[in-house]
Each structure stands twice: as C-alpha cells, then as structure tokens.
Amino acid sequence: MKAAIITIGNEILSGMTLDTNAAYLSQELGKIGIEVVLKISVGDRPADIGQAFKQALAGTDIVLCTGGLGPTSDDITKRVAVKFFKAKLKLDKGTLEHIHSRFAKRGIEMPACNRGQAMVPNKTEVLFNPEGTAPGLLFKKAKKILVLMPGVPREMKAIFAGSLKERLTALSKGMDIRVVTLRTTGIAESAVSEKLSGFEKELAKGALAYLPTHLGVDLRLTISGKNLSVIDNKLNDLSEKITGVLGHVIYGKDDQTMEEVVGRLLKEKKLTLTTAESCSGGLIADRITNISGSSDYYLGSAIAYSNILKEKMLGVKSQTLRLHGAVSKETAIEMANGVRGRLGSDLGLAITGIAGPGGGTDKKPVGLIFMAVAGPKGTVVEERRFLGQRRHIKESAAQAALNMLRLYLLK
C-alpha cells in the first residue's frame, strides 16, 4: 500500500514555516507498513491544490493533506476538495457544538467566521479534532482515500492518533514495520560509521540510517515483515549488537532525551543536583526542568555570567580569575564546587566558555568550553571545542555538559 503527503500553505513554500507535518506522517505511516512514495508542497492557490489532489490520487492509495482548514479567507483547502469531489457543504451540529464549547472554556464568544469550520462536505467522514476547531475530513473515491487535516502540528497529530491510525493500520494488509532509534552523542557521524562498517554488511539496504544533528547522531533501525515477534527479535538483536560496539556513546532510545536519562539516574541513585552556568545562559537548567518531577532531584541554578557573580554567588577566587581567566578548567572546577557547597546539593555541574561570535583569541578561540562535575567522590573537568553559530555552540555545550554528568553518574 502506497501513500502521498500533501502540505498546503504559502508559509511552507516560502520557508517561513518548517514542514514538520510531512516528517511526522511519514514516520507514522512507515510504522504501520504504508510506504510514502510522494510528497507535495503547494501554496494557497485552488488550481495548484486541485492538481496536487489529482497527481497524488493517481499514483497512490492514500493521500494525507495538512493545512488550509482554518476560519480565514486564505484557508481554501476544503472548498477545493468540495469542488474536486463534487460534494456539497452541510452543517455538522456536533462540530459546531465542539467549537462553541472550546470558546466558552476560554470565556470568549465564538467569532462568526468559525461557524464555517462546522460546514462539512456531504461525501465525507468527519474526524474529531480534540485540540482545535477544524475537524479532519475523510473522502473516499473508489478504493482510494484522501484525508484533510489542519496544518497546526498539535491538531494534526491528535486527529491522526485518535481517528486515523487504527483505520490505516487495518488497510496495510498485515505488513508491519518496527523502528528503533538509538541516540548517540559526543561522537561524529563518520566515527560512528567507521565503528559499524563491518556490522552494516549484515544488514539489508535501508535497515540502518544515520540522522546527525549538532547534538549527536541518531541511528534509526527499520525492520519490516508479517510476523511481529520475528521483527521484534531482530530489532532487539540488532540493538544489542550496536550497543555492544558503541557502548556508552549511546545514551537513549527513540524519543528519550538526555535530560530524561540524567533525571532517571539521579532518581535511582537518590542524588540531588545544582548547576552553575555561564556561557550556556540557563539552557541546562531549562532542559532539566522540562522533565516533570525534576524537583525531586534538581535544587536550582546559578547563572553567573559576569566575573563578579562568579565570585559573589559561587565563591570563585579572584586570584583564579586573574591568573587563569573566566574560561578555564580552574574556574569551572571552582564553579562546580561552589554551587554544590553553597546550595547544598550532592552534585554540582558547571560550565563556562566562549559562545562567540566575538570574544575569542588565539589561545582561547570561540567554541572553547570547560565543564566540571563536583560530587562526594571528587571533581572532574573536561575541555571541549565546538564549531558553528552562537546558538549552536550554546546548545552543543549544554548537551555535552549533561552527557558528562550522565557518564559521571554511570561510573
């Protein structure tokens, strides 16, 4: 069974909005054995949308569209579909009640234009949207299906998971696909590939994909077949083999984040943490506190950007700053010990560096970072160097610091 994905909107074509919907739908369809063979992006023009419908339905069994279902004048996808399928609009009372209730919960009156979202084609099945006002719409033409969904990712995902995925799974003729992602950090894509070069020869083409970012390299394993237990056994075997080769550079699986893994380790070991940040400007604290329940192990942070605050808040010695500078292993060590001692945590994590684009020298270039972890069994410090724009350097540094803490906890 083959599928096409159409994303609609001028903002997609202009690059003002990143098309994450197509990526999500491709991954979800792959998991249930439906192959995506075509992706189309079109603007808010009736002729282009209609042509996209025609092209996609000609070559595939299922067409999923996102975008253009809002209440404003530029949201024309539904109108084009009505004409394409020679349907007529009718009021769907259930949808109208849902829209009214959403506005009532916010304490405001429903604008008149939102009523138009409750007008649905008579040749469709309405798919409930728990996260918004525009329902999904499912059209059937012969043995083919075309589905319209909102462009807002949160709403699209809610409709797909709640109304669509189970139905499409039943249509996929028993073919199942399982995907496992192994997440690595602190190692280059080329280095990972080199370590796995002999192992890859055993794999079918496309079974292993490398997905690099500035935070690490994700390894996506994909196995398909008609026997779920066989597929799962193969995936487990492959995962264990890769883990055996790469070891602790793998920090998690699938959607696990570094901060989730670190939080779990802190909980298991019943340890508390404080952080002292300079160049990362609070990114580490932000990531740690994105995890629900982080208050069980995370006490807080000191964002000591200036030397004065490093001295007053963290107890970094003026002599250390004068002799070695704010960006040095000596300062990082004193920051880690200072935040741990002054805030009363089991562990202290500190980071200082030069995020750029200015401030670098020959001896201390942009991207130079020092990280330290202080704990009951001593203090460790690392020097790292990163390339890229300021934001990338800050994010890479925060990831490296959390990974350093993870490895410290594992030991």
Protein backbone atom coordinates (compact mmCIF):
# COMPACT_ATOMS: atom_id res chain seq x y z
CA MET A 1 0.00 0.00 0.00
CA LYS A 2 1.37 3.40 -1.04
CA ALA A 3 0.69 6.87 0.29
CA ALA A 4 1.26 10.51 -0.62
CA ILE A 5 1.52 13.51 1.68
CA ILE A 6 0.45 17.00 0.63
CA THR A 7 1.30 20.03 2.75
CA ILE A 8 -0.60 23.19 1.85
CA GLY A 9 0.26 26.81 2.63
CA ASN A 10 2.21 29.75 1.27
CA GLU A 11 4.19 29.80 4.51
CA ILE A 12 5.51 26.30 3.75
CA LEU A 13 6.68 27.23 0.25
CA SER A 14 8.30 30.47 1.43
CA GLY A 15 10.27 28.68 4.11
CA MET A 16 8.73 30.80 6.85
CA THR A 17 7.26 27.64 8.42
CA LEU A 18 9.18 24.38 8.66
CA ASP A 19 7.22 21.40 7.35
CA THR A 20 7.34 19.05 10.32
CA ASN A 21 3.95 17.54 9.48
CA ALA A 22 5.26 15.57 6.50
CA ALA A 23 8.11 14.15 8.56
CA TYR A 24 5.75 13.04 11.33
CA LEU A 25 3.25 11.44 8.96
CA SER A 26 5.99 9.64 7.02
CA GLN A 27 7.34 8.12 10.21
CA GLU A 28 3.90 7.09 11.48
CA LEU A 29 2.85 5.57 8.16
CA GLY A 30 6.12 3.65 7.97
CA LYS A 31 5.47 2.14 11.37
CA ILE A 32 2.22 0.57 10.13
CA GLY A 33 3.62 -0.74 6.86
CA ILE A 34 2.46 2.00 4.49
CA GLU A 35 5.13 3.28 2.13
CA VAL A 36 5.25 7.01 1.38
CA VAL A 37 6.20 7.42 -2.28
CA LEU A 38 5.29 11.06 -2.90
CA LYS A 39 5.41 14.35 -1.03
CA ILE A 40 4.00 17.56 -2.47
CA SER A 41 4.01 21.10 -1.08
CA VAL A 42 1.71 23.69 -2.65
CA GLY A 43 0.62 27.23 -1.87
CA ASP A 44 -2.84 28.56 -1.17
CA ARG A 45 -3.96 28.51 -4.80
CA PRO A 46 -7.03 26.49 -5.85
CA ALA A 47 -5.59 25.25 -9.15
CA ASP A 48 -2.37 24.03 -7.51
CA ILE A 49 -4.21 22.27 -4.70
CA GLY A 50 -6.56 20.57 -7.16
CA GLN A 51 -3.66 19.44 -9.33
CA ALA A 52 -1.89 18.06 -6.25
CA PHE A 53 -5.01 16.04 -5.37
CA LYS A 54 -5.18 14.65 -8.90
CA GLN A 55 -1.47 13.75 -9.08
CA ALA A 56 -1.38 12.14 -5.63
CA LEU A 57 -4.55 10.06 -6.10
CA ALA A 58 -3.36 8.82 -9.49
CA GLY A 59 -0.27 7.15 -8.07
CA THR A 60 -1.17 6.13 -4.52
CA ASP A 61 -3.86 4.50 -2.39
CA ILE A 62 -3.91 7.01 0.48
CA VAL A 63 -3.39 10.77 0.39
CA LEU A 64 -2.94 12.74 3.62
CA CYS A 65 -3.18 16.55 3.38
CA THR A 66 -2.43 19.15 6.04
CA GLY A 67 -3.16 22.86 6.01
CA GLY A 68 -5.80 25.30 4.81
CA LEU A 69 -8.70 24.34 7.11
CA GLY A 70 -8.71 27.46 9.27
CA PRO A 71 -11.53 30.01 9.53
CA THR A 72 -9.91 32.80 7.47
CA SER A 73 -10.23 33.69 3.78
CA ASP A 74 -6.89 32.15 2.79
CA ASP A 75 -7.93 28.72 4.12
CA ILE A 76 -9.30 27.22 0.91
CA THR A 77 -8.41 23.51 1.02
CA LYS A 78 -11.92 22.40 1.97
CA ARG A 79 -13.50 24.48 -0.81
CA VAL A 80 -11.16 22.93 -3.38
CA ALA A 81 -11.93 19.42 -2.10
CA VAL A 82 -15.69 20.07 -2.30
CA LYS A 83 -15.34 21.02 -5.95
CA PHE A 84 -12.90 18.18 -6.70
CA PHE A 85 -15.24 15.51 -5.28
CA LYS A 86 -18.42 17.26 -6.49
CA ALA A 87 -19.78 17.44 -2.97
CA LYS A 88 -21.99 19.91 -1.12
CA LEU A 89 -21.48 21.57 2.26
CA LYS A 90 -23.78 20.89 5.18
CA LEU A 91 -23.77 21.94 8.83
CA ASP A 92 -22.36 19.35 11.23
CA LYS A 93 -24.03 20.08 14.56
CA GLY A 94 -21.56 18.03 16.58
CA THR A 95 -18.63 20.02 15.21
CA LEU A 96 -20.42 23.32 15.83
CA GLU A 97 -21.11 22.37 19.46
CA HIS A 98 -17.46 21.41 19.91
CA ILE A 99 -16.30 24.77 18.52
CA HIS A 100 -18.71 26.67 20.77
CA SER A 101 -17.51 24.75 23.82
CA ARG A 102 -13.84 25.50 23.11
CA PHE A 103 -14.52 29.23 23.04
CA ALA A 104 -16.78 29.00 26.09
CA LYS A 105 -13.99 27.35 28.09
CA ARG A 106 -11.79 30.35 27.30
CA GLY A 107 -14.55 32.73 28.38
CA ILE A 108 -14.95 34.38 24.96
CA GLU A 109 -17.68 34.46 22.33
CA MET A 110 -17.17 32.41 19.19
CA PRO A 111 -16.38 34.61 16.15
CA ALA A 112 -18.86 34.19 13.32
CA CYS A 113 -16.16 33.01 10.90
CA ASN A 114 -15.59 29.88 12.96
CA ARG A 115 -19.05 28.63 12.07
CA GLY A 116 -17.68 27.92 8.60
CA GLN A 117 -15.47 25.20 10.08
CA ALA A 118 -18.62 23.28 11.06
CA MET A 119 -19.74 23.21 7.41
CA VAL A 120 -18.56 19.84 6.09
CA PRO A 121 -18.86 18.13 2.69
CA ASN A 122 -21.72 15.63 2.45
CA LYS A 123 -19.44 12.94 0.99
CA THR A 124 -17.02 12.83 3.90
CA GLU A 125 -16.49 11.29 7.29
CA VAL A 126 -15.77 13.86 9.99
CA LEU A 127 -12.68 13.14 12.12
CA PHE A 128 -12.85 14.66 15.59
CA ASN A 129 -10.21 17.26 16.47
CA PRO A 130 -9.76 17.38 20.28
CA GLU A 131 -7.07 20.07 20.05
CA GLY A 132 -8.74 22.63 17.78
CA THR A 133 -11.80 23.82 15.89
CA ALA A 134 -11.21 22.40 12.40
CA PRO A 135 -12.22 18.72 12.09
CA GLY A 136 -10.42 16.30 9.84
CA LEU A 137 -12.29 15.23 6.69
CA LEU A 138 -12.03 11.81 5.05
CA PHE A 139 -13.06 11.40 1.40
CA LYS A 140 -13.38 8.07 -0.43
CA LYS A 141 -13.08 7.72 -4.19
CA ALA A 142 -13.36 4.15 -5.47
CA LYS A 143 -10.81 2.28 -3.31
CA LYS A 144 -8.76 5.39 -2.59
CA ILE A 145 -8.77 7.68 0.44
CA LEU A 146 -7.98 11.37 0.76
CA VAL A 147 -7.85 12.92 4.22
CA LEU A 148 -7.74 16.63 5.05
CA MET A 149 -6.26 17.67 8.40
CA PRO A 150 -5.34 21.03 9.97
CA GLY A 151 -1.81 22.34 9.47
CA VAL A 152 -1.25 23.02 13.17
CA PRO A 153 1.02 20.09 14.17
CA ARG A 154 -0.63 19.55 17.55
CA GLU A 155 -4.08 19.26 15.94
CA MET A 156 -2.90 17.10 13.03
CA LYS A 157 -1.21 14.64 15.41
CA ALA A 158 -4.31 14.42 17.60
CA ILE A 159 -6.54 13.57 14.62
CA PHE A 160 -4.08 11.05 13.21
CA ALA A 161 -3.56 9.24 16.52
CA GLY A 162 -7.20 9.39 17.60
CA SER A 163 -9.17 8.77 14.41
CA LEU A 164 -6.93 7.69 11.58
CA LYS A 165 -4.03 5.47 12.61
CA GLU A 166 -6.09 2.44 13.57
CA ARG A 167 -8.07 2.57 10.33
CA LEU A 168 -4.97 2.85 8.16
CA THR A 169 -3.32 0.02 10.06
CA ALA A 170 -6.20 -2.24 9.08
CA LEU A 171 -5.65 -1.32 5.43
CA SER A 172 -1.93 -2.10 5.41
CA LYS A 173 -2.55 -5.82 4.56
CA GLY A 174 -0.77 -7.27 7.56
CA MET A 175 2.64 -5.83 6.76
CA ASP A 176 4.23 -4.37 9.87
CA ILE A 177 7.24 -2.13 10.28
CA ARG A 178 9.13 -1.65 13.51
CA VAL A 179 11.52 1.21 14.07
CA VAL A 180 14.01 1.70 16.90
CA THR A 181 16.22 4.76 17.23
CA LEU A 182 19.47 4.58 19.18
CA ARG A 183 20.62 8.03 20.30
CA THR A 184 24.32 8.87 20.49
CA THR A 185 26.25 11.98 21.45
CA GLY A 186 29.86 13.08 21.73
CA ILE A 187 30.91 11.21 18.58
CA ALA A 188 30.96 12.27 14.91
CA GLU A 189 28.81 10.60 12.27
CA SER A 190 31.91 9.42 10.40
CA ALA A 191 33.34 7.88 13.57
CA VAL A 192 30.07 6.01 14.23
CA SER A 193 30.02 4.75 10.64
CA GLU A 194 33.61 3.59 10.92
CA LYS A 195 32.88 1.61 14.07
CA LEU A 196 29.83 -0.02 12.45
CA SER A 197 31.34 -0.62 8.99
CA GLY A 198 31.71 -4.38 9.42
CA PHE A 199 28.34 -4.70 11.10
CA GLU A 200 26.48 -2.86 8.29
CA LYS A 201 27.34 -5.54 5.75
CA GLU A 202 24.99 -7.90 7.55
CA LEU A 203 22.03 -5.52 7.20
CA ALA A 204 19.52 -5.19 4.40
CA LYS A 205 19.67 -1.96 2.42
CA GLY A 206 17.91 0.84 4.28
CA ALA A 207 17.79 -1.02 7.59
CA LEU A 208 20.19 1.43 9.26
CA ALA A 209 20.00 5.20 8.77
CA TYR A 210 22.27 7.90 10.21
CA LEU A 211 20.49 11.06 11.39
CA PRO A 212 23.10 13.62 12.51
CA THR A 213 22.46 16.92 14.29
CA HIS A 214 24.72 19.26 16.24
CA LEU A 215 23.62 17.44 19.42
CA GLY A 216 24.51 13.94 18.28
CA VAL A 217 23.82 11.18 15.78
CA ASP A 218 20.61 9.15 15.90
CA LEU A 219 20.79 5.63 14.46
CA ARG A 220 17.43 4.51 13.09
CA LEU A 221 16.89 0.76 12.66
CA THR A 222 13.95 -0.29 10.46
CA ILE A 223 12.73 -3.87 10.04
CA SER A 224 9.58 -4.96 8.16
CA GLY A 225 7.67 -8.22 7.85
CA LYS A 226 4.42 -10.01 8.64
CA ASN A 227 5.45 -11.62 11.93
CA LEU A 228 5.71 -9.13 14.76
CA SER A 229 7.60 -11.42 17.11
CA VAL A 230 10.21 -12.12 14.44
CA ILE A 231 10.57 -8.41 13.70
CA ASP A 232 10.90 -7.53 17.38
CA ASN A 233 13.50 -10.24 17.95
CA LYS A 234 15.55 -8.99 15.01
CA LEU A 235 15.37 -5.41 16.28
CA ASN A 236 16.40 -6.39 19.79
CA ASP A 237 19.30 -8.41 18.41
CA LEU A 238 20.48 -5.55 16.19
CA SER A 239 20.13 -3.00 19.01
CA GLU A 240 22.19 -5.16 21.35
CA LYS A 241 24.90 -5.65 18.75
CA ILE A 242 25.19 -1.94 18.02
CA THR A 243 25.17 -1.12 21.72
CA GLY A 244 27.95 -3.64 22.22
CA VAL A 245 30.05 -1.89 19.58
CA LEU A 246 29.35 1.73 20.58
CA GLY A 247 28.95 1.38 24.35
CA HIS A 248 28.20 4.48 26.40
CA VAL A 249 28.09 6.90 23.47
CA ILE A 250 24.52 5.60 23.20
CA TYR A 251 22.53 7.46 25.83
CA GLY A 252 18.94 6.57 24.99
CA LYS A 253 16.34 5.10 22.65
CA ASP A 254 13.60 6.52 20.44
CA ASP A 255 12.31 9.83 21.87
CA GLN A 256 14.36 9.73 25.09
CA THR A 257 16.20 12.97 25.77
CA MET A 258 19.48 13.43 27.57
CA GLU A 259 17.73 15.26 30.41
CA GLU A 260 15.31 12.36 30.87
CA VAL A 261 18.16 9.89 31.14
CA VAL A 262 20.10 12.09 33.57
CA GLY A 263 16.98 12.61 35.68
CA ARG A 264 16.33 8.87 35.87
CA LEU A 265 19.90 8.22 37.01
CA LEU A 266 19.71 10.92 39.67
CA LYS A 267 16.45 9.44 40.97
CA GLU A 268 17.82 5.91 41.01
CA LYS A 269 20.89 6.98 42.94
CA LYS A 270 18.89 9.34 45.18
CA LEU A 271 21.19 12.28 44.45
CA THR A 272 20.44 15.98 44.17
CA LEU A 273 21.89 18.38 41.62
CA THR A 274 22.59 22.09 41.25
CA THR A 275 24.04 23.82 38.20
CA ALA A 276 26.27 26.84 37.63
CA GLU A 277 26.08 28.25 34.11
CA SER A 278 27.98 30.98 32.34
CA CYS A 279 28.16 30.63 28.53
CA SER A 280 25.04 28.42 28.30
CA GLY A 281 22.92 31.12 29.94
CA GLY A 282 20.48 28.77 31.68
CA LEU A 283 19.97 26.23 28.88
CA ILE A 284 20.98 23.34 31.13
CA ALA A 285 18.52 24.38 33.84
CA ASP A 286 15.81 24.82 31.21
CA ARG A 287 16.33 21.32 29.85
CA ILE A 288 16.45 19.68 33.28
CA THR A 289 13.25 21.39 34.41
CA ASN A 290 11.43 20.38 31.21
CA ILE A 291 11.11 16.96 32.82
CA SER A 292 8.09 16.50 35.06
CA GLY A 293 9.18 15.56 38.57
CA SER A 294 12.62 17.15 38.24
CA SER A 295 12.03 18.93 41.55
CA ASP A 296 12.72 15.56 43.20
CA TYR A 297 16.41 15.82 42.33
CA TYR A 298 17.09 19.32 40.98
CA LEU A 299 17.51 22.14 43.50
CA GLY A 300 18.26 25.07 41.21
CA SER A 301 20.84 27.02 39.25
CA ALA A 302 23.15 30.00 39.42
CA ILE A 303 23.55 31.78 36.10
CA ALA A 304 26.79 33.59 36.83
CA TYR A 305 27.57 35.37 33.57
CA SER A 306 29.90 38.03 34.93
CA ASN A 307 33.09 37.55 36.96
CA ILE A 308 31.57 39.49 39.84
CA LEU A 309 28.72 37.00 40.16
CA LYS A 310 31.11 34.08 39.82
CA GLU A 311 32.93 35.42 42.86
CA LYS A 312 29.93 36.52 44.94
CA MET A 313 27.47 33.73 44.14
CA LEU A 314 29.80 30.79 43.65
CA GLY A 315 32.90 31.67 45.60
CA VAL A 316 35.28 31.59 42.62
CA LYS A 317 38.54 33.15 43.80
CA SER A 318 39.56 36.46 42.29
CA GLN A 319 43.07 35.07 42.00
CA THR A 320 41.77 32.18 39.88
CA LEU A 321 40.01 34.58 37.54
CA ARG A 322 43.05 36.83 37.33
CA LEU A 323 45.58 34.05 36.66
CA HIS A 324 43.52 31.66 34.52
CA GLY A 325 40.54 33.67 33.29
CA ALA A 326 36.80 33.02 33.44
CA VAL A 327 37.11 30.43 30.68
CA SER A 328 39.42 27.86 32.23
CA LYS A 329 39.34 24.46 33.87
CA GLU A 330 40.28 26.06 37.19
CA THR A 331 37.25 28.36 37.10
CA ALA A 332 34.93 25.55 36.04
CA ILE A 333 36.10 23.43 38.97
CA GLU A 334 35.53 26.23 41.47
CA MET A 335 32.11 26.97 39.98
CA ALA A 336 31.05 23.32 40.34
CA ASN A 337 32.30 23.06 43.91
CA GLY A 338 30.90 26.47 44.77
CA VAL A 339 27.34 25.80 43.57
CA ARG A 340 27.36 22.39 45.22
CA GLY A 341 28.58 23.74 48.56
CA ARG A 342 26.54 26.92 48.69
CA LEU A 343 23.23 25.39 47.54
CA GLY A 344 23.68 22.13 49.46
CA SER A 345 23.37 19.51 46.70
CA ASP A 346 25.07 16.15 46.28
CA LEU A 347 26.37 17.12 42.85
CA GLY A 348 27.34 20.38 41.18
CA LEU A 349 27.55 20.79 37.40
CA ALA A 350 29.29 23.86 35.98
CA ILE A 351 30.01 25.24 32.52
CA THR A 352 31.97 28.23 31.24
CA GLY A 353 33.15 29.11 27.74
CA ILE A 354 33.14 31.40 24.71
CA ALA A 355 29.98 31.14 22.60
CA GLY A 356 31.03 33.81 20.10
CA PRO A 357 30.99 35.23 17.59
CA GLY A 358 33.26 37.69 19.43
CA GLY A 359 35.49 37.24 22.45
CA GLY A 360 37.82 34.59 21.12
CA THR A 361 41.61 34.72 20.99
CA ASP A 362 44.32 32.50 19.54
CA LYS A 363 44.76 30.76 22.88
CA LYS A 364 41.07 30.71 23.72
CA PRO A 365 39.05 30.54 20.48
CA VAL A 366 35.30 30.82 20.03
CA GLY A 367 33.73 27.48 20.90
CA LEU A 368 36.12 26.67 23.75
CA ILE A 369 34.15 25.21 26.68
CA PHE A 370 35.12 23.91 30.12
CA MET A 371 32.74 21.71 32.11
CA ALA A 372 33.08 20.31 35.61
CA VAL A 373 31.15 17.95 37.88
CA ALA A 374 31.74 18.02 41.63
CA GLY A 375 30.48 15.26 43.90
CA PRO A 376 31.20 13.21 47.01
CA LYS A 377 33.86 11.21 45.18
CA GLY A 378 35.76 14.17 43.75
CA THR A 379 35.63 16.64 40.89
CA VAL A 380 36.22 16.01 37.20
CA VAL A 381 36.71 18.61 34.46
CA GLU A 382 36.68 18.44 30.67
CA GLU A 383 37.67 20.76 27.85
CA ARG A 384 35.62 20.72 24.62
CA ARG A 385 35.63 22.76 21.43
CA PHE A 386 32.61 23.36 19.23
CA LEU A 387 32.06 24.97 15.84
CA GLY A 388 29.07 26.88 14.50
CA GLN A 389 26.91 29.87 15.27
CA ARG A 390 26.40 31.15 18.82
CA ARG A 391 23.15 29.29 19.42
CA HIS A 392 24.56 26.00 18.15
CA ILE A 393 27.60 26.34 20.38
CA LYS A 394 25.43 27.03 23.42
CA GLU A 395 23.15 24.06 22.69
CA SER A 396 26.08 21.76 21.95
CA ALA A 397 27.78 22.83 25.17
CA ALA A 398 24.65 22.17 27.24
CA GLN A 399 24.32 18.71 25.67
CA ALA A 400 27.97 17.92 26.36
CA ALA A 401 27.68 19.04 29.98
CA LEU A 402 24.61 16.87 30.58
CA ASN A 403 26.36 13.95 28.92
CA MET A 404 29.39 14.46 31.16
CA LEU A 405 27.07 14.30 34.15
CA ARG A 406 25.44 11.13 32.76
CA LEU A 407 28.81 9.39 32.41
CA TYR A 408 29.83 10.56 35.90
CA LEU A 409 26.65 9.01 37.31
CA LEU A 410 27.19 5.74 35.42
CA LYS A 411 30.61 5.41 36.99
